PDB file of all heavy atoms in Angstrom:
ATOM      1  N   LEU A   1       0.686 -15.533  -9.034  1.00  0.00           N
ATOM      2  CA  LEU A   1      -0.471 -16.266  -9.531  1.00  0.00           C
ATOM      3  C   LEU A   1      -0.297 -16.723 -10.974  1.00  0.00           C
ATOM      4  O   LEU A   1      -0.844 -17.751 -11.372  1.00  0.00           O
ATOM      5  CB  LEU A   1      -1.735 -15.395  -9.423  1.00  0.00           C
ATOM      6  CG  LEU A   1      -2.221 -15.104  -7.994  1.00  0.00           C
ATOM      7  CD1 LEU A   1      -3.392 -14.143  -8.021  1.00  0.00           C
ATOM      8  CD2 LEU A   1      -2.599 -16.387  -7.269  1.00  0.00           C
ATOM      9  N   SER A   2       0.476 -15.975 -11.742  1.00  0.00           N
ATOM     10  CA  SER A   2       0.666 -16.327 -13.159  1.00  0.00           C
ATOM     11  C   SER A   2       1.962 -17.092 -13.406  1.00  0.00           C
ATOM     12  O   SER A   2       2.227 -17.519 -14.527  1.00  0.00           O
ATOM     13  CB  SER A   2       0.649 -15.057 -14.022  1.00  0.00           C
ATOM     14  OG  SER A   2       1.664 -14.155 -13.600  1.00  0.00           O
ATOM     15  N   ASN A   3       2.765 -17.247 -12.402  1.00  0.00           N
ATOM     16  CA  ASN A   3       4.018 -18.005 -12.516  1.00  0.00           C
ATOM     17  C   ASN A   3       4.096 -19.029 -11.390  1.00  0.00           C
ATOM     18  O   ASN A   3       3.390 -18.925 -10.380  1.00  0.00           O
ATOM     19  CB  ASN A   3       5.233 -17.073 -12.440  1.00  0.00           C
ATOM     20  CG  ASN A   3       5.324 -16.144 -13.625  1.00  0.00           C
ATOM     21  OD1 ASN A   3       5.911 -16.468 -14.647  1.00  0.00           O
ATOM     22  ND2 ASN A   3       4.726 -14.946 -13.490  1.00  0.00           N
ATOM     23  N   LYS A   4       4.968 -19.977 -11.579  1.00  0.00           N
ATOM     24  CA  LYS A   4       5.101 -21.042 -10.583  1.00  0.00           C
ATOM     25  C   LYS A   4       6.073 -20.595  -9.489  1.00  0.00           C
ATOM     26  O   LYS A   4       7.273 -20.844  -9.551  1.00  0.00           O
ATOM     27  CB  LYS A   4       5.613 -22.314 -11.256  1.00  0.00           C
ATOM     28  CG  LYS A   4       5.654 -23.512 -10.339  1.00  0.00           C
ATOM     29  CD  LYS A   4       6.238 -24.715 -11.070  1.00  0.00           C
ATOM     30  CE  LYS A   4       6.337 -25.909 -10.136  1.00  0.00           C
ATOM     31  NZ  LYS A   4       6.942 -27.072 -10.814  1.00  0.00           N
ATOM     32  N   VAL A   5       5.563 -19.927  -8.461  1.00  0.00           N
ATOM     33  CA  VAL A   5       6.385 -19.449  -7.351  1.00  0.00           C
ATOM     34  C   VAL A   5       6.096 -20.310  -6.127  1.00  0.00           C
ATOM     35  O   VAL A   5       4.947 -20.453  -5.717  1.00  0.00           O
ATOM     36  CB  VAL A   5       6.116 -17.969  -7.043  1.00  0.00           C
ATOM     37  CG1 VAL A   5       6.871 -17.535  -5.783  1.00  0.00           C
ATOM     38  CG2 VAL A   5       6.520 -17.096  -8.228  1.00  0.00           C
ATOM     39  N   ASP A   6       7.136 -20.882  -5.551  1.00  0.00           N
ATOM     40  CA  ASP A   6       6.982 -21.769  -4.395  1.00  0.00           C
ATOM     41  C   ASP A   6       7.227 -21.065  -3.067  1.00  0.00           C
ATOM     42  O   ASP A   6       6.611 -21.401  -2.062  1.00  0.00           O
ATOM     43  CB  ASP A   6       7.960 -22.947  -4.498  1.00  0.00           C
ATOM     44  CG  ASP A   6       7.690 -23.794  -5.724  1.00  0.00           C
ATOM     45  OD1 ASP A   6       6.546 -24.239  -5.883  1.00  0.00           O
ATOM     46  OD2 ASP A   6       8.609 -23.986  -6.539  1.00  0.00           O
ATOM     47  N   GLU A   7       8.159 -20.092  -3.067  1.00  0.00           N
ATOM     48  CA  GLU A   7       8.512 -19.442  -1.810  1.00  0.00           C
ATOM     49  C   GLU A   7       8.772 -17.961  -2.025  1.00  0.00           C
ATOM     50  O   GLU A   7       9.329 -17.550  -3.049  1.00  0.00           O
ATOM     51  CB  GLU A   7       9.754 -20.097  -1.177  1.00  0.00           C
ATOM     52  CG  GLU A   7       9.549 -21.554  -0.793  1.00  0.00           C
ATOM     53  CD  GLU A   7      10.718 -22.118   0.019  1.00  0.00           C
ATOM     54  OE1 GLU A   7      11.654 -21.359   0.328  1.00  0.00           O
ATOM     55  OE2 GLU A   7      10.672 -23.314   0.328  1.00  0.00           O
ATOM     56  N   ILE A   8       8.380 -17.155  -1.027  1.00  0.00           N
ATOM     57  CA  ILE A   8       8.663 -15.721  -1.010  1.00  0.00           C
ATOM     58  C   ILE A   8       9.583 -15.452   0.169  1.00  0.00           C
ATOM     59  O   ILE A   8       9.244 -15.770   1.314  1.00  0.00           O
ATOM     60  CB  ILE A   8       7.373 -14.894  -0.854  1.00  0.00           C
ATOM     61  CG1 ILE A   8       6.421 -15.142  -2.032  1.00  0.00           C
ATOM     62  CG2 ILE A   8       7.705 -13.405  -0.741  1.00  0.00           C
ATOM     63  CD1 ILE A   8       5.041 -14.523  -1.825  1.00  0.00           C
ATOM     64  N   PHE A   9      10.732 -14.878  -0.102  1.00  0.00           N
ATOM     65  CA  PHE A   9      11.662 -14.471   0.955  1.00  0.00           C
ATOM     66  C   PHE A   9      11.505 -12.958   1.154  1.00  0.00           C
ATOM     67  O   PHE A   9      11.732 -12.180   0.228  1.00  0.00           O
ATOM     68  CB  PHE A   9      13.101 -14.804   0.576  1.00  0.00           C
ATOM     69  CG  PHE A   9      13.434 -16.264   0.688  1.00  0.00           C
ATOM     70  CD1 PHE A   9      13.084 -17.150  -0.311  1.00  0.00           C
ATOM     71  CD2 PHE A   9      14.097 -16.752   1.807  1.00  0.00           C
ATOM     72  CE1 PHE A   9      13.379 -18.505  -0.214  1.00  0.00           C
ATOM     73  CE2 PHE A   9      14.398 -18.099   1.924  1.00  0.00           C
ATOM     74  CZ  PHE A   9      14.042 -18.976   0.909  1.00  0.00           C
ATOM     75  N   CYS A  10      11.109 -12.570   2.354  1.00  0.00           N
ATOM     76  CA  CYS A  10      10.840 -11.158   2.633  1.00  0.00           C
ATOM     77  C   CYS A  10      11.987 -10.534   3.422  1.00  0.00           C
ATOM     78  O   CYS A  10      12.329 -10.989   4.517  1.00  0.00           O
ATOM     79  CB  CYS A  10       9.537 -11.017   3.418  1.00  0.00           C
ATOM     80  SG  CYS A  10       9.142  -9.325   3.869  1.00  0.00           S
ATOM     81  N   THR A  11      12.578  -9.472   2.862  1.00  0.00           N
ATOM     82  CA  THR A  11      13.659  -8.756   3.547  1.00  0.00           C
ATOM     83  C   THR A  11      13.252  -7.322   3.870  1.00  0.00           C
ATOM     84  O   THR A  11      14.103  -6.485   4.165  1.00  0.00           O
ATOM     85  CB  THR A  11      14.936  -8.743   2.686  1.00  0.00           C
ATOM     86  OG1 THR A  11      14.682  -7.998   1.477  1.00  0.00           O
ATOM     87  CG2 THR A  11      15.389 -10.149   2.334  1.00  0.00           C
ATOM     88  N   LEU A  12      11.945  -7.037   3.800  1.00  0.00           N
ATOM     89  CA  LEU A  12      11.478  -5.692   4.116  1.00  0.00           C
ATOM     90  C   LEU A  12      11.709  -5.382   5.596  1.00  0.00           C
ATOM     91  O   LEU A  12      11.618  -6.274   6.455  1.00  0.00           O
ATOM     92  CB  LEU A  12       9.977  -5.568   3.812  1.00  0.00           C
ATOM     93  CG  LEU A  12       9.546  -5.663   2.344  1.00  0.00           C
ATOM     94  CD1 LEU A  12       8.037  -5.582   2.257  1.00  0.00           C
ATOM     95  CD2 LEU A  12      10.199  -4.578   1.509  1.00  0.00           C
ATOM     96  N   PRO A  13      12.002  -4.120   5.937  1.00  0.00           N
ATOM     97  CA  PRO A  13      12.161  -3.758   7.355  1.00  0.00           C
ATOM     98  C   PRO A  13      10.834  -3.872   8.097  1.00  0.00           C
ATOM     99  O   PRO A  13       9.752  -3.760   7.491  1.00  0.00           O
ATOM    100  CB  PRO A  13      12.650  -2.300   7.275  1.00  0.00           C
ATOM    101  CG  PRO A  13      12.169  -1.803   5.953  1.00  0.00           C
ATOM    102  CD  PRO A  13      12.205  -2.982   5.031  1.00  0.00           C
ATOM    103  N   MET A  14      10.887  -4.066   9.409  1.00  0.00           N
ATOM    104  CA  MET A  14       9.670  -4.250  10.197  1.00  0.00           C
ATOM    105  C   MET A  14       8.806  -2.998  10.217  1.00  0.00           C
ATOM    106  O   MET A  14       7.628  -3.059  10.593  1.00  0.00           O
ATOM    107  CB  MET A  14      10.024  -4.667  11.629  1.00  0.00           C
ATOM    108  CG  MET A  14      10.616  -6.065  11.734  1.00  0.00           C
ATOM    109  SD  MET A  14       9.641  -7.340  10.887  1.00  0.00           S
ATOM    110  CE  MET A  14       8.106  -7.248  11.803  1.00  0.00           C
ATOM    111  N   ALA A  15       9.356  -1.859   9.792  1.00  0.00           N
ATOM    112  CA  ALA A  15       8.544  -0.646   9.671  1.00  0.00           C
ATOM    113  C   ALA A  15       7.458  -0.833   8.606  1.00  0.00           C
ATOM    114  O   ALA A  15       6.437  -0.140   8.606  1.00  0.00           O
ATOM    115  CB  ALA A  15       9.428   0.538   9.319  1.00  0.00           C
ATOM    116  N   GLU A  16       7.680  -1.775   7.698  1.00  0.00           N
ATOM    117  CA  GLU A  16       6.720  -2.070   6.624  1.00  0.00           C
ATOM    118  C   GLU A  16       5.780  -3.208   7.042  1.00  0.00           C
ATOM    119  O   GLU A  16       5.402  -4.052   6.244  1.00  0.00           O
ATOM    120  CB  GLU A  16       7.484  -2.487   5.362  1.00  0.00           C
ATOM    121  CG  GLU A  16       8.534  -1.499   4.926  1.00  0.00           C
ATOM    122  CD  GLU A  16       8.020  -0.605   3.806  1.00  0.00           C
ATOM    123  OE1 GLU A  16       6.789  -0.546   3.630  1.00  0.00           O
ATOM    124  OE2 GLU A  16       8.839  -0.001   3.132  1.00  0.00           O
ATOM    125  N   VAL A  17       5.402  -3.227   8.314  1.00  0.00           N
ATOM    126  CA  VAL A  17       4.662  -4.352   8.865  1.00  0.00           C
ATOM    127  C   VAL A  17       3.334  -4.597   8.151  1.00  0.00           C
ATOM    128  O   VAL A  17       2.908  -5.748   7.980  1.00  0.00           O
ATOM    129  CB  VAL A  17       4.435  -4.162  10.389  1.00  0.00           C
ATOM    130  CG1 VAL A  17       3.574  -2.949  10.671  1.00  0.00           C
ATOM    131  CG2 VAL A  17       3.818  -5.401  11.009  1.00  0.00           C
ATOM    132  N   ASP A  18       2.671  -3.532   7.694  1.00  0.00           N
ATOM    133  CA  ASP A  18       1.389  -3.713   7.002  1.00  0.00           C
ATOM    134  C   ASP A  18       1.578  -4.459   5.687  1.00  0.00           C
ATOM    135  O   ASP A  18       0.796  -5.357   5.346  1.00  0.00           O
ATOM    136  CB  ASP A  18       0.726  -2.352   6.753  1.00  0.00           C
ATOM    137  CG  ASP A  18       0.247  -1.691   8.043  1.00  0.00           C
ATOM    138  OD1 ASP A  18       0.021  -2.443   9.022  1.00  0.00           O
ATOM    139  OD2 ASP A  18       0.119  -0.463   8.082  1.00  0.00           O
ATOM    140  N   LYS A  19       2.612  -4.107   4.944  1.00  0.00           N
ATOM    141  CA  LYS A  19       2.895  -4.800   3.685  1.00  0.00           C
ATOM    142  C   LYS A  19       3.295  -6.250   3.945  1.00  0.00           C
ATOM    143  O   LYS A  19       2.899  -7.158   3.206  1.00  0.00           O
ATOM    144  CB  LYS A  19       4.014  -4.083   2.926  1.00  0.00           C
ATOM    145  CG  LYS A  19       3.605  -2.750   2.324  1.00  0.00           C
ATOM    146  CD  LYS A  19       4.778  -2.110   1.577  1.00  0.00           C
ATOM    147  CE  LYS A  19       4.356  -0.747   1.019  1.00  0.00           C
ATOM    148  NZ  LYS A  19       5.497  -0.067   0.351  1.00  0.00           N
ATOM    149  N   ILE A  20       4.090  -6.457   4.990  1.00  0.00           N
ATOM    150  CA  ILE A  20       4.533  -7.814   5.339  1.00  0.00           C
ATOM    151  C   ILE A  20       3.330  -8.696   5.661  1.00  0.00           C
ATOM    152  O   ILE A  20       3.204  -9.819   5.167  1.00  0.00           O
ATOM    153  CB  ILE A  20       5.518  -7.779   6.530  1.00  0.00           C
ATOM    154  CG1 ILE A  20       6.823  -7.088   6.138  1.00  0.00           C
ATOM    155  CG2 ILE A  20       5.821  -9.199   7.016  1.00  0.00           C
ATOM    156  CD1 ILE A  20       7.786  -6.866   7.294  1.00  0.00           C
ATOM    157  N   ASN A  21       2.427  -8.161   6.485  1.00  0.00           N
ATOM    158  CA  ASN A  21       1.225  -8.926   6.851  1.00  0.00           C
ATOM    159  C   ASN A  21       0.364  -9.234   5.639  1.00  0.00           C
ATOM    160  O   ASN A  21      -0.175 -10.342   5.496  1.00  0.00           O
ATOM    161  CB  ASN A  21       0.400  -8.156   7.888  1.00  0.00           C
ATOM    162  CG  ASN A  21       0.909  -8.364   9.301  1.00  0.00           C
ATOM    163  OD1 ASN A  21       1.591  -9.344   9.579  1.00  0.00           O
ATOM    164  ND2 ASN A  21       0.579  -7.432  10.176  1.00  0.00           N
ATOM    165  N   ASP A  22       0.243  -8.261   4.745  1.00  0.00           N
ATOM    166  CA  ASP A  22      -0.590  -8.436   3.557  1.00  0.00           C
ATOM    167  C   ASP A  22      -0.037  -9.536   2.651  1.00  0.00           C
ATOM    168  O   ASP A  22      -0.772 -10.429   2.202  1.00  0.00           O
ATOM    169  CB  ASP A  22      -0.662  -7.110   2.798  1.00  0.00           C
ATOM    170  CG  ASP A  22      -1.532  -7.221   1.555  1.00  0.00           C
ATOM    171  OD1 ASP A  22      -2.666  -7.715   1.669  1.00  0.00           O
ATOM    172  OD2 ASP A  22      -1.055  -6.840   0.465  1.00  0.00           O
ATOM    173  N   ILE A  23       1.280  -9.493   2.395  1.00  0.00           N
ATOM    174  CA  ILE A  23       1.904 -10.508   1.532  1.00  0.00           C
ATOM    175  C   ILE A  23       1.914 -11.862   2.211  1.00  0.00           C
ATOM    176  O   ILE A  23       1.744 -12.911   1.585  1.00  0.00           O
ATOM    177  CB  ILE A  23       3.327 -10.090   1.130  1.00  0.00           C
ATOM    178  CG1 ILE A  23       3.306  -8.778   0.347  1.00  0.00           C
ATOM    179  CG2 ILE A  23       4.013 -11.179   0.319  1.00  0.00           C
ATOM    180  CD1 ILE A  23       2.542  -8.861  -0.971  1.00  0.00           C
ATOM    181  N   MET A  24       2.053 -11.856   3.546  1.00  0.00           N
ATOM    182  CA  MET A  24       2.055 -13.117   4.282  1.00  0.00           C
ATOM    183  C   MET A  24       0.672 -13.779   4.209  1.00  0.00           C
ATOM    184  O   MET A  24       0.560 -15.002   4.040  1.00  0.00           O
ATOM    185  CB  MET A  24       2.455 -12.878   5.743  1.00  0.00           C
ATOM    186  CG  MET A  24       2.924 -14.128   6.473  1.00  0.00           C
ATOM    187  SD  MET A  24       3.373 -13.803   8.194  1.00  0.00           S
ATOM    188  CE  MET A  24       4.705 -12.652   7.985  1.00  0.00           C
ATOM    189  N   ASP A  25      -0.372 -12.961   4.329  1.00  0.00           N
ATOM    190  CA  ASP A  25      -1.731 -13.482   4.164  1.00  0.00           C
ATOM    191  C   ASP A  25      -1.906 -14.094   2.784  1.00  0.00           C
ATOM    192  O   ASP A  25      -2.442 -15.202   2.629  1.00  0.00           O
ATOM    193  CB  ASP A  25      -2.752 -12.359   4.349  1.00  0.00           C
ATOM    194  CG  ASP A  25      -2.939 -11.973   5.802  1.00  0.00           C
ATOM    195  OD1 ASP A  25      -2.519 -12.761   6.673  1.00  0.00           O
ATOM    196  OD2 ASP A  25      -3.505 -10.899   6.054  1.00  0.00           O
ATOM    197  N   PHE A  26      -1.471 -13.352   1.790  1.00  0.00           N
ATOM    198  CA  PHE A  26      -1.593 -13.821   0.406  1.00  0.00           C
ATOM    199  C   PHE A  26      -0.869 -15.159   0.205  1.00  0.00           C
ATOM    200  O   PHE A  26      -1.401 -16.087  -0.404  1.00  0.00           O
ATOM    201  CB  PHE A  26      -1.027 -12.762  -0.545  1.00  0.00           C
ATOM    202  CG  PHE A  26      -0.787 -13.266  -1.937  1.00  0.00           C
ATOM    203  CD1 PHE A  26      -1.833 -13.404  -2.837  1.00  0.00           C
ATOM    204  CD2 PHE A  26       0.493 -13.644  -2.340  1.00  0.00           C
ATOM    205  CE1 PHE A  26      -1.613 -13.887  -4.125  1.00  0.00           C
ATOM    206  CE2 PHE A  26       0.721 -14.130  -3.618  1.00  0.00           C
ATOM    207  CZ  PHE A  26      -0.333 -14.259  -4.513  1.00  0.00           C
ATOM    208  N   ALA A  27       0.348 -15.243   0.730  1.00  0.00           N
ATOM    209  CA  ALA A  27       1.149 -16.468   0.577  1.00  0.00           C
ATOM    210  C   ALA A  27       0.461 -17.656   1.240  1.00  0.00           C
ATOM    211  O   ALA A  27       0.361 -18.748   0.658  1.00  0.00           O
ATOM    212  CB  ALA A  27       2.540 -16.262   1.167  1.00  0.00           C
ATOM    213  N   ASP A  28      -0.043 -17.459   2.444  1.00  0.00           N
ATOM    214  CA  ASP A  28      -0.722 -18.548   3.157  1.00  0.00           C
ATOM    215  C   ASP A  28      -1.962 -19.015   2.406  1.00  0.00           C
ATOM    216  O   ASP A  28      -2.256 -20.220   2.344  1.00  0.00           O
ATOM    217  CB  ASP A  28      -1.122 -18.088   4.560  1.00  0.00           C
ATOM    218  CG  ASP A  28       0.054 -18.073   5.530  1.00  0.00           C
ATOM    219  OD1 ASP A  28       1.113 -18.639   5.169  1.00  0.00           O
ATOM    220  OD2 ASP A  28      -0.087 -17.515   6.620  1.00  0.00           O
ATOM    221  N   ASN A  29      -2.676 -18.075   1.842  1.00  0.00           N
ATOM    222  CA  ASN A  29      -3.924 -18.412   1.170  1.00  0.00           C
ATOM    223  C   ASN A  29      -3.731 -19.002  -0.220  1.00  0.00           C
ATOM    224  O   ASN A  29      -4.705 -19.442  -0.843  1.00  0.00           O
ATOM    225  CB  ASN A  29      -4.815 -17.168   1.085  1.00  0.00           C
ATOM    226  CG  ASN A  29      -5.296 -16.714   2.453  1.00  0.00           C
ATOM    227  OD1 ASN A  29      -5.564 -17.539   3.323  1.00  0.00           O
ATOM    228  ND2 ASN A  29      -5.383 -15.418   2.652  1.00  0.00           N
ATOM    229  N   HIS A  30      -2.489 -19.009  -0.692  1.00  0.00           N
ATOM    230  CA  HIS A  30      -2.212 -19.597  -2.009  1.00  0.00           C
ATOM    231  C   HIS A  30      -1.117 -20.663  -1.926  1.00  0.00           C
ATOM    232  O   HIS A  30      -0.446 -20.963  -2.904  1.00  0.00           O
ATOM    233  CB  HIS A  30      -1.824 -18.493  -3.003  1.00  0.00           C
ATOM    234  CG  HIS A  30      -2.951 -17.564  -3.323  1.00  0.00           C
ATOM    235  ND1 HIS A  30      -3.256 -16.481  -2.541  1.00  0.00           N
ATOM    236  CD2 HIS A  30      -3.886 -17.589  -4.317  1.00  0.00           C
ATOM    237  CE1 HIS A  30      -4.315 -15.850  -3.042  1.00  0.00           C
ATOM    238  NE2 HIS A  30      -4.713 -16.505  -4.120  1.00  0.00           N
ATOM    239  N   LEU A  31      -0.954 -21.211  -0.732  1.00  0.00           N
ATOM    240  CA  LEU A  31      -0.013 -22.328  -0.512  1.00  0.00           C
ATOM    241  C   LEU A  31       1.394 -22.010  -0.984  1.00  0.00           C
ATOM    242  O   LEU A  31       2.082 -22.830  -1.584  1.00  0.00           O
ATOM    243  CB  LEU A  31      -0.525 -23.600  -1.202  1.00  0.00           C
ATOM    244  CG  LEU A  31      -1.879 -24.114  -0.702  1.00  0.00           C
ATOM    245  CD1 LEU A  31      -2.271 -25.374  -1.455  1.00  0.00           C
ATOM    246  CD2 LEU A  31      -1.855 -24.361   0.795  1.00  0.00           C
ATOM    247  N   ILE A  32       1.825 -20.788  -0.704  1.00  0.00           N
ATOM    248  CA  ILE A  32       3.195 -20.367  -1.005  1.00  0.00           C
ATOM    249  C   ILE A  32       3.919 -20.189   0.329  1.00  0.00           C
ATOM    250  O   ILE A  32       3.408 -19.522   1.230  1.00  0.00           O
ATOM    251  CB  ILE A  32       3.222 -19.049  -1.804  1.00  0.00           C
ATOM    252  CG1 ILE A  32       2.493 -19.228  -3.144  1.00  0.00           C
ATOM    253  CG2 ILE A  32       4.651 -18.578  -2.041  1.00  0.00           C
ATOM    254  CD1 ILE A  32       2.308 -17.929  -3.920  1.00  0.00           C
ATOM    255  N   ARG A  33       5.083 -20.776   0.461  1.00  0.00           N
ATOM    256  CA  ARG A  33       5.854 -20.636   1.699  1.00  0.00           C
ATOM    257  C   ARG A  33       6.355 -19.200   1.829  1.00  0.00           C
ATOM    258  O   ARG A  33       6.856 -18.624   0.868  1.00  0.00           O
ATOM    259  CB  ARG A  33       7.050 -21.580   1.708  1.00  0.00           C
ATOM    260  CG  ARG A  33       6.705 -23.049   1.512  1.00  0.00           C
ATOM    261  CD  ARG A  33       5.996 -23.636   2.695  1.00  0.00           C
ATOM    262  NE  ARG A  33       5.760 -25.064   2.519  1.00  0.00           N
ATOM    263  CZ  ARG A  33       5.034 -25.806   3.338  1.00  0.00           C
ATOM    264  NH1 ARG A  33       4.474 -25.264   4.390  1.00  0.00           N
ATOM    265  NH2 ARG A  33       4.873 -27.096   3.103  1.00  0.00           N
ATOM    266  N   PHE A  34       6.233 -18.653   3.037  1.00  0.00           N
ATOM    267  CA  PHE A  34       6.696 -17.281   3.292  1.00  0.00           C
ATOM    268  C   PHE A  34       7.842 -17.340   4.286  1.00  0.00           C
ATOM    269  O   PHE A  34       7.703 -17.907   5.373  1.00  0.00           O
ATOM    270  CB  PHE A  34       5.555 -16.427   3.849  1.00  0.00           C
ATOM    271  CG  PHE A  34       5.885 -14.968   3.961  1.00  0.00           C
ATOM    272  CD1 PHE A  34       5.634 -14.101   2.910  1.00  0.00           C
ATOM    273  CD2 PHE A  34       6.447 -14.463   5.125  1.00  0.00           C
ATOM    274  CE1 PHE A  34       5.938 -12.746   3.014  1.00  0.00           C
ATOM    275  CE2 PHE A  34       6.756 -13.119   5.243  1.00  0.00           C
ATOM    276  CZ  PHE A  34       6.508 -12.255   4.187  1.00  0.00           C
ATOM    277  N   ARG A  35       8.985 -16.767   3.909  1.00  0.00           N
ATOM    278  CA  ARG A  35      10.168 -16.753   4.779  1.00  0.00           C
ATOM    279  C   ARG A  35      10.506 -15.308   5.133  1.00  0.00           C
ATOM    280  O   ARG A  35      10.711 -14.488   4.241  1.00  0.00           O
ATOM    281  CB  ARG A  35      11.375 -17.390   4.082  1.00  0.00           C
ATOM    282  CG  ARG A  35      11.082 -18.700   3.361  1.00  0.00           C
ATOM    283  CD  ARG A  35      10.741 -19.810   4.317  1.00  0.00           C
ATOM    284  NE  ARG A  35      10.621 -21.090   3.616  1.00  0.00           N
ATOM    285  CZ  ARG A  35      10.148 -22.191   4.161  1.00  0.00           C
ATOM    286  NH1 ARG A  35       9.754 -22.189   5.421  1.00  0.00           N
ATOM    287  NH2 ARG A  35      10.061 -23.308   3.460  1.00  0.00           N
ATOM    288  N   LEU A  36      10.549 -15.007   6.419  1.00  0.00           N
ATOM    289  CA  LEU A  36      10.858 -13.656   6.875  1.00  0.00           C
ATOM    290  C   LEU A  36      12.316 -13.583   7.301  1.00  0.00           C
ATOM    291  O   LEU A  36      12.751 -14.306   8.198  1.00  0.00           O
ATOM    292  CB  LEU A  36       9.940 -13.269   8.038  1.00  0.00           C
ATOM    293  CG  LEU A  36      10.008 -11.831   8.542  1.00  0.00           C
ATOM    294  CD1 LEU A  36       9.626 -10.861   7.435  1.00  0.00           C
ATOM    295  CD2 LEU A  36       9.087 -11.650   9.753  1.00  0.00           C
ATOM    296  N   ILE A  37      13.082 -12.728   6.642  1.00  0.00           N
ATOM    297  CA  ILE A  37      14.517 -12.586   6.935  1.00  0.00           C
ATOM    298  C   ILE A  37      14.722 -11.323   7.751  1.00  0.00           C
ATOM    299  O   ILE A  37      14.541 -10.212   7.234  1.00  0.00           O
ATOM    300  CB  ILE A  37      15.358 -12.499   5.639  1.00  0.00           C
ATOM    301  CG1 ILE A  37      14.928 -13.574   4.636  1.00  0.00           C
ATOM    302  CG2 ILE A  37      16.836 -12.580   5.961  1.00  0.00           C
ATOM    303  CD1 ILE A  37      15.130 -14.983   5.105  1.00  0.00           C
ATOM    304  N   PRO A  38      15.093 -11.423   9.039  1.00  0.00           N
ATOM    305  CA  PRO A  38      15.276 -10.221   9.864  1.00  0.00           C
ATOM    306  C   PRO A  38      16.559  -9.488   9.508  1.00  0.00           C
ATOM    307  O   PRO A  38      17.536 -10.086   9.054  1.00  0.00           O
ATOM    308  CB  PRO A  38      15.334 -10.776  11.290  1.00  0.00           C
ATOM    309  CG  PRO A  38      15.839 -12.168  11.124  1.00  0.00           C
ATOM    310  CD  PRO A  38      15.318 -12.657   9.803  1.00  0.00           C
ATOM    311  N   GLU A  39      16.539  -8.190   9.722  1.00  0.00           N
ATOM    312  CA  GLU A  39      17.700  -7.344   9.434  1.00  0.00           C
ATOM    313  C   GLU A  39      18.466  -7.105  10.729  1.00  0.00           C
ATOM    314  O   GLU A  39      17.936  -6.573  11.702  1.00  0.00           O
ATOM    315  CB  GLU A  39      17.216  -6.002   8.855  1.00  0.00           C
ATOM    316  CG  GLU A  39      18.314  -4.971   8.685  1.00  0.00           C
ATOM    317  CD  GLU A  39      19.371  -5.391   7.677  1.00  0.00           C
ATOM    318  OE1 GLU A  39      19.108  -5.308   6.480  1.00  0.00           O
ATOM    319  OE2 GLU A  39      20.469  -5.805   8.125  1.00  0.00           O
ATOM    320  N   PHE A  40      19.730  -7.513  10.730  1.00  0.00           N
ATOM    321  CA  PHE A  40      20.555  -7.308  11.920  1.00  0.00           C
ATOM    322  C   PHE A  40      21.730  -6.376  11.663  1.00  0.00           C
ATOM    323  O   PHE A  40      22.663  -6.294  12.446  1.00  0.00           O
ATOM    324  CB  PHE A  40      21.095  -8.657  12.443  1.00  0.00           C
ATOM    325  CG  PHE A  40      20.007  -9.560  12.936  1.00  0.00           C
ATOM    326  CD1 PHE A  40      19.742 -10.751  12.293  1.00  0.00           C
ATOM    327  CD2 PHE A  40      19.246  -9.202  14.019  1.00  0.00           C
ATOM    328  CE1 PHE A  40      18.735 -11.591  12.743  1.00  0.00           C
ATOM    329  CE2 PHE A  40      18.233 -10.037  14.479  1.00  0.00           C
ATOM    330  CZ  PHE A  40      17.989 -11.225  13.837  1.00  0.00           C
TER     331      PHE A  40
END
């Protein structure tokens, strides 16, 4: 919110699903692109 951030790349494991959902909600509501990177 205080810096010019255009995209968030998330590499958190899916075990952190609550945090992922929370940050994804935040990104959508502030017009920030959210990219989810799966761990293989």
